[in-house]
Amino acid sequence: MPRGGRLGPRFGLEAGFLIGVAVVLGLLEVSWPVVFAAMAVAWVLVAAVEVALARAQTAGAGDAGPGHPDEEERDPFRDAFRPPG
């Protein structure tokens, strides 16, 4: 759920997509196993989009916060082959 406790427009798009898939399957009068499989695939697609967007937001959050190494600390062997002086 987004910050602030409100559902955003992305939730509406996802719900609309799932409802749309169900409506189309109902209009096509397909058997229930086909409806079940198609809805499962649609749900997995929605979940994959959510995971991808959450990772993109986390990666773009900027500073990783306290406790994370700086650029220089990430590579302890950065100066290993540099001549002294």
C-alpha atoms as a PDB file:
ATOM      1  CA  MET A   1       0.000   0.000   0.000  1.00  0.00           C
ATOM      2  CA  PRO A   2       1.393   3.423  -0.818  1.00  0.00           C
ATOM      3  CA  ARG A   3       2.500   5.801   1.890  1.00  0.00           C
ATOM      4  CA  GLY A   4      -0.334   7.687   3.466  1.00  0.00           C
ATOM      5  CA  GLY A   5      -2.665   4.673   3.394  1.00  0.00           C
ATOM      6  CA  ARG A   6      -4.371   5.580   0.116  1.00  0.00           C
ATOM      7  CA  LEU A   7      -4.667   3.366  -2.909  1.00  0.00           C
ATOM      8  CA  GLY A   8      -3.204   4.997  -5.969  1.00  0.00           C
ATOM      9  CA  PRO A   9      -4.138   4.927  -9.645  1.00  0.00           C
ATOM     10  CA  ARG A  10      -1.854   1.931 -10.201  1.00  0.00           C
ATOM     11  CA  PHE A  11      -4.117  -0.151  -7.965  1.00  0.00           C
ATOM     12  CA  GLY A  12      -7.096   0.887 -10.080  1.00  0.00           C
ATOM     13  CA  LEU A  13      -5.302  -0.129 -13.262  1.00  0.00           C
ATOM     14  CA  GLU A  14      -4.341  -3.497 -11.811  1.00  0.00           C
ATOM     15  CA  ALA A  15      -7.840  -4.192 -10.507  1.00  0.00           C
ATOM     16  CA  GLY A  16      -9.339  -3.055 -13.811  1.00  0.00           C
ATOM     17  CA  PHE A  17      -7.014  -5.375 -15.707  1.00  0.00           C
ATOM     18  CA  LEU A  18      -7.989  -8.374 -13.576  1.00  0.00           C
ATOM     19  CA  ILE A  19     -11.688  -7.540 -13.825  1.00  0.00           C
ATOM     20  CA  GLY A  20     -11.345  -7.023 -17.578  1.00  0.00           C
ATOM     21  CA  VAL A  21      -9.730 -10.428 -17.996  1.00  0.00           C
ATOM     22  CA  ALA A  22     -12.565 -12.025 -16.017  1.00  0.00           C
ATOM     23  CA  VAL A  23     -15.237 -10.210 -18.044  1.00  0.00           C
ATOM     24  CA  VAL A  24     -13.695 -11.188 -21.373  1.00  0.00           C
ATOM     25  CA  LEU A  25     -13.424 -14.801 -20.269  1.00  0.00           C
ATOM     26  CA  GLY A  26     -17.054 -14.712 -19.144  1.00  0.00           C
ATOM     27  CA  LEU A  27     -18.199 -13.285 -22.469  1.00  0.00           C
ATOM     28  CA  LEU A  28     -16.264 -15.990 -24.287  1.00  0.00           C
ATOM     29  CA  GLU A  29     -18.008 -18.596 -22.122  1.00  0.00           C
ATOM     30  CA  VAL A  30     -14.875 -20.613 -21.562  1.00  0.00           C
ATOM     31  CA  SER A  31     -14.746 -23.491 -19.090  1.00  0.00           C
ATOM     32  CA  TRP A  32     -13.860 -22.848 -15.462  1.00  0.00           C
ATOM     33  CA  PRO A  33     -10.402 -24.478 -15.682  1.00  0.00           C
ATOM     34  CA  VAL A  34      -9.527 -22.039 -18.479  1.00  0.00           C
ATOM     35  CA  VAL A  35     -10.856 -19.128 -16.415  1.00  0.00           C
ATOM     36  CA  PHE A  36      -8.837 -20.317 -13.422  1.00  0.00           C
ATOM     37  CA  ALA A  37      -5.633 -20.651 -15.452  1.00  0.00           C
ATOM     38  CA  ALA A  38      -6.092 -17.323 -17.229  1.00  0.00           C
ATOM     39  CA  MET A  39      -6.783 -15.482 -13.982  1.00  0.00           C
ATOM     40  CA  ALA A  40      -3.747 -17.104 -12.375  1.00  0.00           C
ATOM     41  CA  VAL A  41      -1.575 -15.919 -15.271  1.00  0.00           C
ATOM     42  CA  ALA A  42      -3.097 -12.431 -15.083  1.00  0.00           C
ATOM     43  CA  TRP A  43      -2.451 -12.285 -11.339  1.00  0.00           C
ATOM     44  CA  VAL A  44       1.172 -13.382 -11.814  1.00  0.00           C
ATOM     45  CA  LEU A  45       1.622 -10.630 -14.411  1.00  0.00           C
ATOM     46  CA  VAL A  46       0.241  -8.026 -12.014  1.00  0.00           C
ATOM     47  CA  ALA A  47       2.462  -9.322  -9.210  1.00  0.00           C
ATOM     48  CA  ALA A  48       5.531  -9.250 -11.477  1.00  0.00           C
ATOM     49  CA  VAL A  49       4.815  -5.632 -12.397  1.00  0.00           C
ATOM     50  CA  GLU A  50       4.444  -4.753  -8.707  1.00  0.00           C
ATOM     51  CA  VAL A  51       7.747  -6.412  -7.817  1.00  0.00           C
ATOM     52  CA  ALA A  52       9.546  -4.711 -10.703  1.00  0.00           C
ATOM     53  CA  LEU A  53       8.162  -1.296  -9.764  1.00  0.00           C
ATOM     54  CA  ALA A  54       8.980  -1.796  -6.077  1.00  0.00           C
ATOM     55  CA  ARG A  55      12.562  -2.714  -6.951  1.00  0.00           C
ATOM     56  CA  ALA A  56      12.856   0.283  -9.250  1.00  0.00           C
ATOM     57  CA  GLN A  57      11.629   2.598  -6.487  1.00  0.00           C
ATOM     58  CA  THR A  58      14.018   1.035  -3.975  1.00  0.00           C
ATOM     59  CA  ALA A  59      16.974   1.291  -6.365  1.00  0.00           C
ATOM     60  CA  GLY A  60      16.207   4.931  -7.093  1.00  0.00           C
ATOM     61  CA  ALA A  61      15.777   5.885  -3.456  1.00  0.00           C
ATOM     62  CA  GLY A  62      19.164   7.607  -3.367  1.00  0.00           C
ATOM     63  CA  ASP A  63      21.325   7.185  -0.282  1.00  0.00           C
ATOM     64  CA  ALA A  64      21.281   3.663   1.067  1.00  0.00           C
ATOM     65  CA  GLY A  65      21.342   4.989   4.611  1.00  0.00           C
ATOM     66  CA  PRO A  66      23.641   4.396   7.557  1.00  0.00           C
ATOM     67  CA  GLY A  67      25.613   1.206   7.723  1.00  0.00           C
ATOM     68  CA  HIS A  68      26.233   0.915   3.997  1.00  0.00           C
ATOM     69  CA  PRO A  69      29.802   1.211   2.749  1.00  0.00           C
ATOM     70  CA  ASP A  70      30.882   4.203   0.747  1.00  0.00           C
ATOM     71  CA  GLU A  71      32.241   3.889  -2.790  1.00  0.00           C
ATOM     72  CA  GLU A  72      35.808   3.715  -1.512  1.00  0.00           C
ATOM     73  CA  GLU A  73      35.024   1.043   1.058  1.00  0.00           C
ATOM     74  CA  ARG A  74      33.337  -1.259  -1.457  1.00  0.00           C
ATOM     75  CA  ASP A  75      36.624  -2.201  -3.134  1.00  0.00           C
ATOM     76  CA  PRO A  76      39.319  -2.892  -0.536  1.00  0.00           C
ATOM     77  CA  PHE A  77      41.808  -3.831  -3.269  1.00  0.00           C
ATOM     78  CA  ARG A  78      41.404  -0.594  -5.212  1.00  0.00           C
ATOM     79  CA  ASP A  79      44.956   0.526  -4.414  1.00  0.00           C
ATOM     80  CA  ALA A  80      46.531  -2.941  -4.210  1.00  0.00           C
ATOM     81  CA  PHE A  81      48.564  -2.600  -7.401  1.00  0.00           C
ATOM     82  CA  ARG A  82      49.271   1.122  -7.200  1.00  0.00           C
ATOM     83  CA  PRO A  83      52.974   1.871  -6.619  1.00  0.00           C
ATOM     84  CA  PRO A  84      53.693   3.568  -3.300  1.00  0.00           C
ATOM     85  CA  GLY A  85      54.260   7.271  -3.179  1.00  0.00           C
END
